Each structure stands twice: as C-alpha cells, then as structure tokens.
C-alpha cells in the first residue's frame, strides 16, 4: 500500500500524466545524456545513460522520517539528502540537504499505524 516496500525516499517520487508537460530538463555539462523509460509488467522503469564515464555518482537518502498527527490530520515528515560520491575511491565528498517534507497524508489512518513508523502527537 502507500509506502510499503518504498525504494526511494518519500517526497522524491513523481507522477507522469498523459498529455501534460511533466518535465523540463537542462544539461549544463559537456556530457550527452540519454533518458530511457519503459514499462516492465506493472512497473515503470528507467535508466540514465551518458556518452562518457563520470567521476562522481549521487545517492539520495532520507532521515528523520515520521508521521505527525495534528488537529488538521496526519502529516508525513522527512529530510531528503544527496550524497556525492567519488566513484574511484567510494568516498562521500559532499552531503547536501535537498528538501524537508511536511505533507498531508491522504490515505486511511490504519495504514499509518500498520507501517510501523513512529507516530507523534502534536
């Protein structure tokens, strides 16, 4: 259900809707990139390719994930971080806070409790 088996941090997902301009990308590098997407059974898959090897990789992760109940309802909070990794050494060379999420939960409260995340009363 909503967050069961989540692979990417909350707040970094996306939706693609037919007949809408969903994404606009800009490449400020001298590297040519190709974005490939396909459907594999019930899943949308993707790959990002480059015309040359790149020295760095980027990893997105979350911290401080929790649900918070307020008078207005349940909210999901987290922080999303980007680690820059030197591919030759595996060393994290930079860590940057990308965003903090505070999003109203729109699904049934019973799924919040069943997910096993800490809940906080405010």
PDB file of N, CA and C in Angstrom:
ATOM      1  N   UNK A   1       0.843  -1.192   0.000  1.00  0.00           N
ATOM      2  CA  UNK A   1       0.000   0.000   0.000  1.00  0.00           C
ATOM      3  C   UNK A   1       0.872   1.234   0.000  1.00  0.00           C
ATOM      4  N   UNK A   2       0.386   2.414   0.369  1.00  0.00           N
ATOM      5  CA  UNK A   2       1.066   3.662   0.042  1.00  0.00           C
ATOM      6  C   UNK A   2       2.581   3.684   0.199  1.00  0.00           C
ATOM      7  N   UNK A   3       3.123   3.172   1.277  1.00  0.00           N
ATOM      8  CA  UNK A   3       4.571   3.275   1.465  1.00  0.00           C
ATOM      9  C   UNK A   3       5.233   1.925   1.687  1.00  0.00           C
ATOM     10  N   UNK A   4       4.503   0.852   1.570  1.00  0.00           N
ATOM     11  CA  UNK A   4       5.067  -0.472   1.802  1.00  0.00           C
ATOM     12  C   UNK A   4       6.110  -0.792   0.735  1.00  0.00           C
ATOM     13  N   UNK A   5       7.304  -1.134   1.146  1.00  0.00           N
ATOM     14  CA  UNK A   5       8.346  -1.500   0.204  1.00  0.00           C
ATOM     15  C   UNK A   5       8.927  -0.329  -0.566  1.00  0.00           C
ATOM     16  N   UNK A   6       8.804   0.861  -0.028  1.00  0.00           N
ATOM     17  CA  UNK A   6       9.308   2.061  -0.699  1.00  0.00           C
ATOM     18  C   UNK A   6      10.801   1.919  -0.968  1.00  0.00           C
ATOM     19  N   UNK A   7      11.223   2.272  -2.181  1.00  0.00           N
ATOM     20  CA  UNK A   7      12.622   2.187  -2.581  1.00  0.00           C
ATOM     21  C   UNK A   7      13.291   3.556  -2.538  1.00  0.00           C
ATOM     22  N   UNK A   8      12.574   4.572  -2.936  1.00  0.00           N
ATOM     23  CA  UNK A   8      13.132   5.920  -2.931  1.00  0.00           C
ATOM     24  C   UNK A   8      12.551   6.701  -1.759  1.00  0.00           C
ATOM     25  N   UNK A   9      13.252   7.706  -1.273  1.00  0.00           N
ATOM     26  CA  UNK A   9      12.747   8.475  -0.132  1.00  0.00           C
ATOM     27  C   UNK A   9      11.416   9.151  -0.429  1.00  0.00           C
ATOM     28  N   UNK A  10      10.568   9.232   0.581  1.00  0.00           N
ATOM     29  CA  UNK A  10       9.308   9.946   0.462  1.00  0.00           C
ATOM     30  C   UNK A  10       9.590  11.376   0.005  1.00  0.00           C
ATOM     31  N   UNK A  11       8.762  11.856  -0.903  1.00  0.00           N
ATOM     32  CA  UNK A  11       8.899  13.224  -1.388  1.00  0.00           C
ATOM     33  C   UNK A  11       9.774  13.355  -2.616  1.00  0.00           C
ATOM     34  N   UNK A  12      10.336  12.236  -3.095  1.00  0.00           N
ATOM     35  CA  UNK A  12      11.179  12.296  -4.289  1.00  0.00           C
ATOM     36  C   UNK A  12      10.563  11.541  -5.457  1.00  0.00           C
ATOM     37  N   UNK A  13       9.378  11.015  -5.265  1.00  0.00           N
ATOM     38  CA  UNK A  13       8.699  10.297  -6.336  1.00  0.00           C
ATOM     39  C   UNK A  13       8.146  11.260  -7.369  1.00  0.00           C
ATOM     40  N   UNK A  14       7.491  10.708  -8.348  1.00  0.00           N
ATOM     41  CA  UNK A  14       6.974  11.538  -9.427  1.00  0.00           C
ATOM     42  C   UNK A  14       5.725  10.903 -10.015  1.00  0.00           C
ATOM     43  N   UNK A  15       4.994  11.684 -10.723  1.00  0.00           N
ATOM     44  CA  UNK A  15       3.831  11.203 -11.470  1.00  0.00           C
ATOM     45  C   UNK A  15       3.982  11.658 -12.913  1.00  0.00           C
ATOM     46  N   UNK A  16       3.570  10.801 -13.811  1.00  0.00           N
ATOM     47  CA  UNK A  16       3.584  11.153 -15.226  1.00  0.00           C
ATOM     48  C   UNK A  16       2.155  11.054 -15.724  1.00  0.00           C
ATOM     49  N   UNK A  17       1.684  12.110 -16.329  1.00  0.00           N
ATOM     50  CA  UNK A  17       0.306  12.171 -16.782  1.00  0.00           C
ATOM     51  C   UNK A  17       0.286  12.438 -18.275  1.00  0.00           C
ATOM     52  N   UNK A  18      -0.459  11.640 -19.019  1.00  0.00           N
ATOM     53  CA  UNK A  18      -0.531  11.797 -20.463  1.00  0.00           C
ATOM     54  C   UNK A  18      -1.051  13.188 -20.833  1.00  0.00           C
ATOM     55  N   UNK A  19      -0.461  13.737 -21.840  1.00  0.00           N
ATOM     56  CA  UNK A  19      -0.879  14.987 -22.445  1.00  0.00           C
ATOM     57  C   UNK A  19      -0.544  16.217 -21.589  1.00  0.00           C
ATOM     58  N   UNK A  20       0.362  16.057 -20.636  1.00  0.00           N
ATOM     59  CA  UNK A  20       0.837  17.184 -19.848  1.00  0.00           C
ATOM     60  C   UNK A  20       2.341  17.296 -20.004  1.00  0.00           C
ATOM     61  N   UNK A  21       2.859  18.507 -19.983  1.00  0.00           N
ATOM     62  CA  UNK A  21       4.289  18.716 -19.995  1.00  0.00           C
ATOM     63  C   UNK A  21       4.780  18.516 -18.567  1.00  0.00           C
ATOM     64  N   UNK A  22       5.268  17.295 -18.279  1.00  0.00           N
ATOM     65  CA  UNK A  22       5.643  16.940 -16.920  1.00  0.00           C
ATOM     66  C   UNK A  22       7.040  17.408 -16.528  1.00  0.00           C
ATOM     67  N   UNK A  23       7.985  17.271 -17.449  1.00  0.00           N
ATOM     68  CA  UNK A  23       9.373  17.524 -17.094  1.00  0.00           C
ATOM     69  C   UNK A  23      10.027  18.475 -18.078  1.00  0.00           C
ATOM     70  N   UNK A  24      10.864  19.319 -17.543  1.00  0.00           N
ATOM     71  CA  UNK A  24      11.725  20.169 -18.354  1.00  0.00           C
ATOM     72  C   UNK A  24      13.122  20.020 -17.772  1.00  0.00           C
ATOM     73  N   UNK A  25      14.059  19.591 -18.613  1.00  0.00           N
ATOM     74  CA  UNK A  25      15.416  19.330 -18.165  1.00  0.00           C
ATOM     75  C   UNK A  25      16.389  20.261 -18.869  1.00  0.00           C
ATOM     76  N   UNK A  26      17.460  20.597 -18.165  1.00  0.00           N
ATOM     77  CA  UNK A  26      18.515  21.411 -18.740  1.00  0.00           C
ATOM     78  C   UNK A  26      19.839  20.730 -18.435  1.00  0.00           C
ATOM     79  N   UNK A  27      20.691  20.611 -19.405  1.00  0.00           N
ATOM     80  CA  UNK A  27      22.000  19.995 -19.241  1.00  0.00           C
ATOM     81  C   UNK A  27      23.062  21.075 -19.416  1.00  0.00           C
ATOM     82  N   UNK A  28      23.704  21.453 -18.308  1.00  0.00           N
ATOM     83  CA  UNK A  28      24.732  22.491 -18.339  1.00  0.00           C
ATOM     84  C   UNK A  28      26.140  21.899 -18.389  1.00  0.00           C
ATOM     85  N   UNK A  29      26.259  20.648 -18.803  1.00  0.00           N
ATOM     86  CA  UNK A  29      27.557  19.985 -18.868  1.00  0.00           C
ATOM     87  C   UNK A  29      27.957  19.752 -20.321  1.00  0.00           C
ATOM     88  N   UNK A  30      29.171  19.244 -20.520  1.00  0.00           N
ATOM     89  CA  UNK A  30      29.611  18.874 -21.863  1.00  0.00           C
ATOM     90  C   UNK A  30      29.375  17.389 -22.136  1.00  0.00           C
ATOM     91  N   UNK A  31      28.611  16.739 -21.285  1.00  0.00           N
ATOM     92  CA  UNK A  31      28.274  15.326 -21.429  1.00  0.00           C
ATOM     93  C   UNK A  31      26.895  15.198 -22.064  1.00  0.00           C
ATOM     94  N   UNK A  32      26.760  14.261 -22.989  1.00  0.00           N
ATOM     95  CA  UNK A  32      25.459  13.988 -23.593  1.00  0.00           C
ATOM     96  C   UNK A  32      24.785  12.884 -22.787  1.00  0.00           C
ATOM     97  N   UNK A  33      23.540  13.117 -22.401  1.00  0.00           N
ATOM     98  CA  UNK A  33      22.779  12.145 -21.617  1.00  0.00           C
ATOM     99  C   UNK A  33      21.600  11.623 -22.423  1.00  0.00           C
ATOM    100  N   UNK A  34      21.219  10.402 -22.131  1.00  0.00           N
ATOM    101  CA  UNK A  34      20.026   9.802 -22.720  1.00  0.00           C
ATOM    102  C   UNK A  34      19.180   9.260 -21.568  1.00  0.00           C
ATOM    103  N   UNK A  35      17.907   9.593 -21.584  1.00  0.00           N
ATOM    104  CA  UNK A  35      16.968   9.071 -20.588  1.00  0.00           C
ATOM    105  C   UNK A  35      16.110   8.028 -21.288  1.00  0.00           C
ATOM    106  N   UNK A  36      16.090   6.817 -20.746  1.00  0.00           N
ATOM    107  CA  UNK A  36      15.272   5.736 -21.308  1.00  0.00           C
ATOM    108  C   UNK A  36      14.222   5.345 -20.276  1.00  0.00           C
ATOM    109  N   UNK A  37      12.997   5.191 -20.708  1.00  0.00           N
ATOM    110  CA  UNK A  37      11.926   4.697 -19.839  1.00  0.00           C
ATOM    111  C   UNK A  37      11.162   3.606 -20.560  1.00  0.00           C
ATOM    112  N   UNK A  38      10.661   2.641 -19.793  1.00  0.00           N
ATOM    113  CA  UNK A  38       9.873   1.555 -20.351  1.00  0.00           C
ATOM    114  C   UNK A  38       8.990   0.970 -19.262  1.00  0.00           C
ATOM    115  N   UNK A  39       7.987   0.240 -19.678  1.00  0.00           N
ATOM    116  CA  UNK A  39       7.083  -0.433 -18.747  1.00  0.00           C
ATOM    117  C   UNK A  39       7.458  -1.905 -18.728  1.00  0.00           C
ATOM    118  N   UNK A  40       7.647  -2.440 -17.524  1.00  0.00           N
ATOM    119  CA  UNK A  40       8.013  -3.838 -17.330  1.00  0.00           C
ATOM    120  C   UNK A  40       6.942  -4.462 -16.430  1.00  0.00           C
ATOM    121  N   UNK A  41       5.958  -5.123 -17.013  1.00  0.00           N
ATOM    122  CA  UNK A  41       4.842  -5.628 -16.219  1.00  0.00           C
ATOM    123  C   UNK A  41       4.042  -4.462 -15.677  1.00  0.00           C
ATOM    124  N   UNK A  42       3.997  -4.341 -14.359  1.00  0.00           N
ATOM    125  CA  UNK A  42       3.227  -3.277 -13.719  1.00  0.00           C
ATOM    126  C   UNK A  42       4.097  -2.101 -13.298  1.00  0.00           C
ATOM    127  N   UNK A  43       5.385  -2.111 -13.647  1.00  0.00           N
ATOM    128  CA  UNK A  43       6.294  -1.074 -13.164  1.00  0.00           C
ATOM    129  C   UNK A  43       6.843  -0.224 -14.302  1.00  0.00           C
ATOM    130  N   UNK A  44       6.986   1.053 -14.010  1.00  0.00           N
ATOM    131  CA  UNK A  44       7.666   1.964 -14.910  1.00  0.00           C
ATOM    132  C   UNK A  44       9.147   1.932 -14.534  1.00  0.00           C
ATOM    133  N   UNK A  45       9.998   1.643 -15.489  1.00  0.00           N
ATOM    134  CA  UNK A  45      11.440   1.541 -15.254  1.00  0.00           C
ATOM    135  C   UNK A  45      12.143   2.662 -16.003  1.00  0.00           C
ATOM    136  N   UNK A  46      13.365   2.957 -15.581  1.00  0.00           N
ATOM    137  CA  UNK A  46      14.110   3.987 -16.270  1.00  0.00           C
ATOM    138  C   UNK A  46      15.599   3.807 -16.131  1.00  0.00           C
ATOM    139  N   UNK A  47      16.330   4.433 -17.026  1.00  0.00           N
ATOM    140  CA  UNK A  47      17.787   4.416 -16.999  1.00  0.00           C
ATOM    141  C   UNK A  47      18.297   5.753 -17.509  1.00  0.00           C
ATOM    142  N   UNK A  48      19.381   6.203 -16.930  1.00  0.00           N
ATOM    143  CA  UNK A  48      20.055   7.415 -17.376  1.00  0.00           C
ATOM    144  C   UNK A  48      21.414   6.995 -17.916  1.00  0.00           C
ATOM    145  N   UNK A  49      21.694   7.330 -19.168  1.00  0.00           N
ATOM    146  CA  UNK A  49      22.948   6.961 -19.809  1.00  0.00           C
ATOM    147  C   UNK A  49      23.742   8.215 -20.140  1.00  0.00           C
ATOM    148  N   UNK A  50      25.066   8.061 -20.212  1.00  0.00           N
ATOM    149  CA  UNK A  50      25.948   9.173 -20.571  1.00  0.00           C
ATOM    150  C   UNK A  50      26.925   8.703 -21.631  1.00  0.00           C
ATOM    151  N   UNK A  51      27.416   9.654 -22.439  1.00  0.00           N
ATOM    152  CA  UNK A  51      28.337   9.289 -23.519  1.00  0.00           C
ATOM    153  C   UNK A  51      29.776   9.109 -23.045  1.00  0.00           C
ATOM    154  N   UNK A  52      30.035   9.352 -21.756  1.00  0.00           N
ATOM    155  CA  UNK A  52      31.364   9.113 -21.197  1.00  0.00           C
ATOM    156  C   UNK A  52      31.232   8.814 -19.711  1.00  0.00           C
ATOM    157  N   UNK A  53      32.245   8.192 -19.182  1.00  0.00           N
ATOM    158  CA  UNK A  53      32.249   7.854 -17.765  1.00  0.00           C
ATOM    159  C   UNK A  53      32.335   9.128 -16.930  1.00  0.00           C
ATOM    160  N   UNK A  54      31.580   9.167 -15.861  1.00  0.00           N
ATOM    161  CA  UNK A  54      31.567  10.336 -14.981  1.00  0.00           C
ATOM    162  C   UNK A  54      32.301  10.006 -13.685  1.00  0.00           C
ATOM    163  N   UNK A  55      33.038  10.964 -13.118  1.00  0.00           N
ATOM    164  CA  UNK A  55      33.839  10.681 -11.919  1.00  0.00           C
ATOM    165  C   UNK A  55      33.028  10.607 -10.623  1.00  0.00           C
ATOM    166  N   UNK A  56      31.818  11.128 -10.648  1.00  0.00           N
ATOM    167  CA  UNK A  56      31.014  11.184  -9.428  1.00  0.00           C
ATOM    168  C   UNK A  56      29.699  10.447  -9.607  1.00  0.00           C
ATOM    169  N   UNK A  57      29.166   9.944  -8.505  1.00  0.00           N
ATOM    170  CA  UNK A  57      27.802   9.422  -8.501  1.00  0.00           C
ATOM    171  C   UNK A  57      27.053  10.131  -7.371  1.00  0.00           C
ATOM    172  N   UNK A  58      25.733  10.066  -7.442  1.00  0.00           N
ATOM    173  CA  UNK A  58      24.901  10.777  -6.477  1.00  0.00           C
ATOM    174  C   UNK A  58      23.906   9.796  -5.882  1.00  0.00           C
ATOM    175  N   UNK A  59      23.753   9.861  -4.580  1.00  0.00           N
ATOM    176  CA  UNK A  59      22.841   8.969  -3.877  1.00  0.00           C
ATOM    177  C   UNK A  59      21.866   9.811  -3.062  1.00  0.00           C
ATOM    178  N   UNK A  60      20.602   9.499  -3.184  1.00  0.00           N
ATOM    179  CA  UNK A  60      19.552  10.206  -2.450  1.00  0.00           C
ATOM    180  C   UNK A  60      19.108   9.323  -1.289  1.00  0.00           C
ATOM    181  N   UNK A  61      18.964   9.908  -0.117  1.00  0.00           N
ATOM    182  CA  UNK A  61      18.524   9.157   1.061  1.00  0.00           C
ATOM    183  C   UNK A  61      17.663  10.067   1.937  1.00  0.00           C
ATOM    184  N   UNK A  62      16.959   9.453   2.872  1.00  0.00           N
ATOM    185  CA  UNK A  62      16.130  10.248   3.782  1.00  0.00           C
ATOM    186  C   UNK A  62      16.570  10.023   5.215  1.00  0.00           C
ATOM    187  N   UNK A  63      16.212  10.963   6.061  1.00  0.00           N
ATOM    188  CA  UNK A  63      16.404  10.828   7.505  1.00  0.00           C
ATOM    189  C   UNK A  63      15.204  11.477   8.186  1.00  0.00           C
ATOM    190  N   UNK A  64      15.086  11.218   9.478  1.00  0.00           N
ATOM    191  CA  UNK A  64      14.044  11.843  10.304  1.00  0.00           C
ATOM    192  C   UNK A  64      12.634  11.581   9.781  1.00  0.00           C
ATOM    193  N   UNK A  65      12.397  10.396   9.212  1.00  0.00           N
ATOM    194  CA  UNK A  65      11.070  10.066   8.683  1.00  0.00           C
ATOM    195  C   UNK A  65      10.125   9.744   9.839  1.00  0.00           C
ATOM    196  N   UNK A  66       8.955  10.379   9.801  1.00  0.00           N
ATOM    197  CA  UNK A  66       7.951  10.122  10.844  1.00  0.00           C
ATOM    198  C   UNK A  66       6.594  10.627  10.380  1.00  0.00           C
ATOM    199  N   UNK A  67       5.580  10.163  11.082  1.00  0.00           N
ATOM    200  CA  UNK A  67       4.221  10.668  10.916  1.00  0.00           C
ATOM    201  C   UNK A  67       3.906  11.542  12.118  1.00  0.00           C
ATOM    202  N   UNK A  68       3.182  12.631  11.866  1.00  0.00           N
ATOM    203  CA  UNK A  68       2.802  13.559  12.924  1.00  0.00           C
ATOM    204  C   UNK A  68       1.307  13.803  12.828  1.00  0.00           C
ATOM    205  N   UNK A  69       0.616  13.651  13.960  1.00  0.00           N
ATOM    206  CA  UNK A  69      -0.811  13.938  13.963  1.00  0.00           C
ATOM    207  C   UNK A  69      -1.039  15.337  14.513  1.00  0.00           C
ATOM    208  N   UNK A  70      -1.795  16.136  13.775  1.00  0.00           N
ATOM    209  CA  UNK A  70      -2.171  17.479  14.201  1.00  0.00           C
ATOM    210  C   UNK A  70      -3.690  17.564  14.179  1.00  0.00           C
ATOM    211  N   UNK A  71      -4.227  18.693  14.568  1.00  0.00           N
ATOM    212  CA  UNK A  71      -5.682  18.887  14.508  1.00  0.00           C
ATOM    213  C   UNK A  71      -6.187  18.785  13.073  1.00  0.00           C
ATOM    214  N   UNK A  72      -5.350  19.135  12.116  1.00  0.00           N
ATOM    215  CA  UNK A  72      -5.745  19.103  10.704  1.00  0.00           C
ATOM    216  C   UNK A  72      -5.647  17.701  10.097  1.00  0.00           C
ATOM    217  N   UNK A  73      -5.004  16.765  10.788  1.00  0.00           N
ATOM    218  CA  UNK A  73      -4.854  15.405  10.273  1.00  0.00           C
ATOM    219  C   UNK A  73      -3.429  14.913  10.404  1.00  0.00           C
ATOM    220  N   UNK A  74      -3.148  13.794   9.744  1.00  0.00           N
ATOM    221  CA  UNK A  74      -1.820  13.191   9.775  1.00  0.00           C
ATOM    222  C   UNK A  74      -0.926  13.812   8.696  1.00  0.00           C
ATOM    223  N   UNK A  75       0.327  14.049   9.075  1.00  0.00           N
ATOM    224  CA  UNK A  75       1.332  14.538   8.144  1.00  0.00           C
ATOM    225  C   UNK A  75       2.529  13.591   8.153  1.00  0.00           C
ATOM    226  N   UNK A  76       3.179  13.512   7.015  1.00  0.00           N
ATOM    227  CA  UNK A  76       4.409  12.730   6.926  1.00  0.00           C
ATOM    228  C   UNK A  76       5.554  13.707   6.749  1.00  0.00           C
ATOM    229  N   UNK A  77       6.600  13.519   7.554  1.00  0.00           N
ATOM    230  CA  UNK A  77       7.762  14.405   7.504  1.00  0.00           C
ATOM    231  C   UNK A  77       9.021  13.600   7.243  1.00  0.00           C
ATOM    232  N   UNK A  78       9.976  14.209   6.581  1.00  0.00           N
ATOM    233  CA  UNK A  78      11.303  13.636   6.434  1.00  0.00           C
ATOM    234  C   UNK A  78      12.245  14.695   5.876  1.00  0.00           C
ATOM    235  N   UNK A  79      13.516  14.360   5.890  1.00  0.00           N
ATOM    236  CA  UNK A  79      14.541  15.185   5.250  1.00  0.00           C
ATOM    237  C   UNK A  79      15.159  14.344   4.144  1.00  0.00           C
ATOM    238  N   UNK A  80      15.387  14.958   2.987  1.00  0.00           N
ATOM    239  CA  UNK A  80      15.981  14.267   1.838  1.00  0.00           C
ATOM    240  C   UNK A  80      17.381  14.836   1.624  1.00  0.00           C
ATOM    241  N   UNK A  81      18.372  13.948   1.571  1.00  0.00           N
ATOM    242  CA  UNK A  81      19.779  14.320   1.437  1.00  0.00           C
ATOM    243  C   UNK A  81      20.369  13.770   0.145  1.00  0.00           C
ATOM    244  N   UNK A  82      21.333  14.484  -0.420  1.00  0.00           N
ATOM    245  CA  UNK A  82      22.085  13.998  -1.583  1.00  0.00           C
ATOM    246  C   UNK A  82      23.547  13.874  -1.186  1.00  0.00           C
ATOM    247  N   UNK A  83      24.075  12.651  -1.324  1.00  0.00           N
ATOM    248  CA  UNK A  83      25.499  12.402  -1.106  1.00  0.00           C
ATOM    249  C   UNK A  83      26.197  12.363  -2.459  1.00  0.00           C
ATOM    250  N   UNK A  84      27.314  13.059  -2.578  1.00  0.00           N
ATOM    251  CA  UNK A  84      28.153  12.998  -3.766  1.00  0.00           C
ATOM    252  C   UNK A  84      29.299  12.050  -3.463  1.00  0.00           C
ATOM    253  N   UNK A  85      29.493  11.064  -4.335  1.00  0.00           N
ATOM    254  CA  UNK A  85      30.472  10.002  -4.088  1.00  0.00           C
ATOM    255  C   UNK A  85      31.506   9.984  -5.210  1.00  0.00           C
ATOM    256  N   UNK A  86      32.786   9.971  -4.829  1.00  0.00           N
ATOM    257  CA  UNK A  86      33.866   9.791  -5.791  1.00  0.00           C
ATOM    258  C   UNK A  86      33.867   8.327  -6.212  1.00  0.00           C
ATOM    259  N   UNK A  87      33.600   8.063  -7.490  1.00  0.00           N
ATOM    260  CA  UNK A  87      33.465   6.683  -7.959  1.00  0.00           C
ATOM    261  C   UNK A  87      34.772   5.901  -7.866  1.00  0.00           C
ATOM    262  N   UNK A  88      35.907   6.560  -7.952  1.00  0.00           N
ATOM    263  CA  UNK A  88      37.197   5.869  -7.896  1.00  0.00           C
ATOM    264  C   UNK A  88      37.519   5.364  -6.497  1.00  0.00           C
ATOM    265  N   UNK A  89      37.130   6.140  -5.476  1.00  0.00           N
ATOM    266  CA  UNK A  89      37.505   5.781  -4.101  1.00  0.00           C
ATOM    267  C   UNK A  89      36.319   5.325  -3.254  1.00  0.00           C
ATOM    268  N   UNK A  90      35.117   5.658  -3.681  1.00  0.00           N
ATOM    269  CA  UNK A  90      33.939   5.355  -2.871  1.00  0.00           C
ATOM    270  C   UNK A  90      33.723   6.329  -1.729  1.00  0.00           C
ATOM    271  N   UNK A  91      34.510   7.381  -1.689  1.00  0.00           N
ATOM    272  CA  UNK A  91      34.434   8.377  -0.618  1.00  0.00           C
ATOM    273  C   UNK A  91      33.302   9.362  -0.872  1.00  0.00           C
ATOM    274  N   UNK A  92      32.512   9.641   0.164  1.00  0.00           N
ATOM    275  CA  UNK A  92      31.490  10.684   0.081  1.00  0.00           C
ATOM    276  C   UNK A  92      32.214  12.018   0.178  1.00  0.00           C
ATOM    277  N   UNK A  93      32.120  12.818  -0.880  1.00  0.00           N
ATOM    278  CA  UNK A  93      32.836  14.095  -0.922  1.00  0.00           C
ATOM    279  C   UNK A  93      31.968  15.285  -0.524  1.00  0.00           C
ATOM    280  N   UNK A  94      30.651  15.099  -0.531  1.00  0.00           N
ATOM    281  CA  UNK A  94      29.749  16.186  -0.136  1.00  0.00           C
ATOM    282  C   UNK A  94      28.396  15.592   0.249  1.00  0.00           C
ATOM    283  N   UNK A  95      27.740  16.245   1.165  1.00  0.00           N
ATOM    284  CA  UNK A  95      26.378  15.897   1.569  1.00  0.00           C
ATOM    285  C   UNK A  95      25.580  17.189   1.605  1.00  0.00           C
ATOM    286  N   UNK A  96      24.414  17.158   0.942  1.00  0.00           N
ATOM    287  CA  UNK A  96      23.600  18.372   0.841  1.00  0.00           C
ATOM    288  C   UNK A  96      22.149  18.057   1.178  1.00  0.00           C
ATOM    289  N   UNK A  97      21.535  18.892   2.015  1.00  0.00           N
ATOM    290  CA  UNK A  97      20.106  18.783   2.283  1.00  0.00           C
ATOM    291  C   UNK A  97      19.365  19.281   1.059  1.00  0.00           C
ATOM    292  N   UNK A  98      18.555  18.421   0.445  1.00  0.00           N
ATOM    293  CA  UNK A  98      17.812  18.778  -0.757  1.00  0.00           C
ATOM    294  C   UNK A  98      16.481  19.413  -0.387  1.00  0.00           C
ATOM    295  N   UNK A  99      15.777  18.791   0.566  1.00  0.00           N
ATOM    296  CA  UNK A  99      14.478  19.339   0.969  1.00  0.00           C
ATOM    297  C   UNK A  99      14.014  18.703   2.264  1.00  0.00           C
ATOM    298  N   UNK A 100      13.090  19.374   2.910  1.00  0.00           N
ATOM    299  CA  UNK A 100      12.349  18.824   4.048  1.00  0.00           C
ATOM    300  C   UNK A 100      10.894  18.743   3.625  1.00  0.00           C
ATOM    301  N   UNK A 101      10.276  17.592   3.908  1.00  0.00           N
ATOM    302  CA  UNK A 101       8.872  17.398   3.534  1.00  0.00           C
ATOM    303  C   UNK A 101       7.985  17.473   4.765  1.00  0.00           C
ATOM    304  N   UNK A 102       6.823  18.059   4.582  1.00  0.00           N
ATOM    305  CA  UNK A 102       5.755  18.083   5.580  1.00  0.00           C
ATOM    306  C   UNK A 102       4.472  17.991   4.765  1.00  0.00           C
ATOM    307  N   UNK A 103       4.040  16.759   4.494  1.00  0.00           N
ATOM    308  CA  UNK A 103       2.950  16.532   3.543  1.00  0.00           C
ATOM    309  C   UNK A 103       1.749  15.888   4.219  1.00  0.00           C
ATOM    310  N   UNK A 104       0.570  16.407   3.919  1.00  0.00           N
ATOM    311  CA  UNK A 104      -0.672  15.845   4.438  1.00  0.00           C
ATOM    312  C   UNK A 104      -0.856  14.437   3.884  1.00  0.00           C
ATOM    313  N   UNK A 105      -1.133  13.488   4.766  1.00  0.00           N
ATOM    314  CA  UNK A 105      -1.370  12.102   4.363  1.00  0.00           C
ATOM    315  C   UNK A 105      -2.826  11.981   3.923  1.00  0.00           C
ATOM    316  N   UNK A 106      -3.036  11.479   2.726  1.00  0.00           N
ATOM    317  CA  UNK A 106      -4.384  11.409   2.171  1.00  0.00           C
ATOM    318  C   UNK A 106      -4.999  10.013   2.236  1.00  0.00           C
ATOM    319  N   UNK A 107      -4.246   9.020   2.714  1.00  0.00           N
ATOM    320  CA  UNK A 107      -4.809   7.682   2.795  1.00  0.00           C
ATOM    321  C   UNK A 107      -5.254   7.384   4.219  1.00  0.00           C
ATOM    322  N   UNK A 108      -5.957   6.284   4.401  1.00  0.00           N
ATOM    323  CA  UNK A 108      -6.584   5.918   5.660  1.00  0.00           C
ATOM    324  C   UNK A 108      -5.556   5.770   6.790  1.00  0.00           C
ATOM    325  N   UNK A 109      -5.916   6.271   7.972  1.00  0.00           N
ATOM    326  CA  UNK A 109      -5.051   6.247   9.146  1.00  0.00           C
ATOM    327  C   UNK A 109      -4.586   4.843   9.512  1.00  0.00           C
ATOM    328  N   UNK A 110      -5.381   3.830   9.243  1.00  0.00           N
ATOM    329  CA  UNK A 110      -4.992   2.465   9.626  1.00  0.00           C
ATOM    330  C   UNK A 110      -3.702   2.033   8.938  1.00  0.00           C
ATOM    331  N   UNK A 111      -3.403   2.575   7.759  1.00  0.00           N
ATOM    332  CA  UNK A 111      -2.177   2.219   7.053  1.00  0.00           C
ATOM    333  C   UNK A 111      -0.956   2.895   7.672  1.00  0.00           C
ATOM    334  N   UNK A 112      -1.143   4.021   8.320  1.00  0.00           N
ATOM    335  CA  UNK A 112      -0.043   4.686   9.015  1.00  0.00           C
ATOM    336  C   UNK A 112       0.411   3.821  10.178  1.00  0.00           C
ATOM    337  N   UNK A 113      -0.528   3.335  10.957  1.00  0.00           N
ATOM    338  CA  UNK A 113      -0.218   2.502  12.112  1.00  0.00           C
ATOM    339  C   UNK A 113       0.395   1.181  11.665  1.00  0.00           C
ATOM    340  N   UNK A 114      -0.111   0.575  10.585  1.00  0.00           N
ATOM    341  CA  UNK A 114       0.391  -0.722  10.147  1.00  0.00           C
ATOM    342  C   UNK A 114       1.790  -0.634   9.553  1.00  0.00           C
ATOM    343  N   UNK A 115       2.203   0.552   9.133  1.00  0.00           N
ATOM    344  CA  UNK A 115       3.534   0.697   8.560  1.00  0.00           C
ATOM    345  C   UNK A 115       4.618   0.604   9.619  1.00  0.00           C
ATOM    346  N   UNK A 116       4.249   0.839  10.879  1.00  0.00           N
ATOM    347  CA  UNK A 116       5.208   0.685  11.969  1.00  0.00           C
ATOM    348  C   UNK A 116       6.104   1.882  12.191  1.00  0.00           C
ATOM    349  N   UNK A 117       5.851   3.007  11.558  1.00  0.00           N
ATOM    350  CA  UNK A 117       6.662   4.208  11.795  1.00  0.00           C
ATOM    351  C   UNK A 117       6.227   4.848  13.100  1.00  0.00           C
ATOM    352  N   UNK A 118       7.153   5.515  13.729  1.00  0.00           N
ATOM    353  CA  UNK A 118       6.852   6.233  14.954  1.00  0.00           C
ATOM    354  C   UNK A 118       5.808   7.307  14.678  1.00  0.00           C
ATOM    355  N   UNK A 119       4.844   7.430  15.567  1.00  0.00           N
ATOM    356  CA  UNK A 119       3.847   8.482  15.437  1.00  0.00           C
ATOM    357  C   UNK A 119       4.010   9.464  16.592  1.00  0.00           C
ATOM    358  N   UNK A 120       3.766  10.701  16.326  1.00  0.00           N
ATOM    359  CA  UNK A 120       3.963  11.743  17.315  1.00  0.00           C
ATOM    360  C   UNK A 120       2.694  12.546  17.433  1.00  0.00           C
ATOM    361  N   UNK A 121       2.269  12.784  18.644  1.00  0.00           N
ATOM    362  CA  UNK A 121       1.086  13.617  18.889  1.00  0.00           C
ATOM    363  C   UNK A 121       1.535  15.066  19.050  1.00  0.00           C
ATOM    364  N   UNK A 122       0.916  15.980  18.321  1.00  0.00           N
ATOM    365  CA  UNK A 122       1.186  17.419  18.476  1.00  0.00           C
ATOM    366  C   UNK A 122      -0.054  18.122  18.905  1.00  0.00           C
TER     367      UNK A 122
END
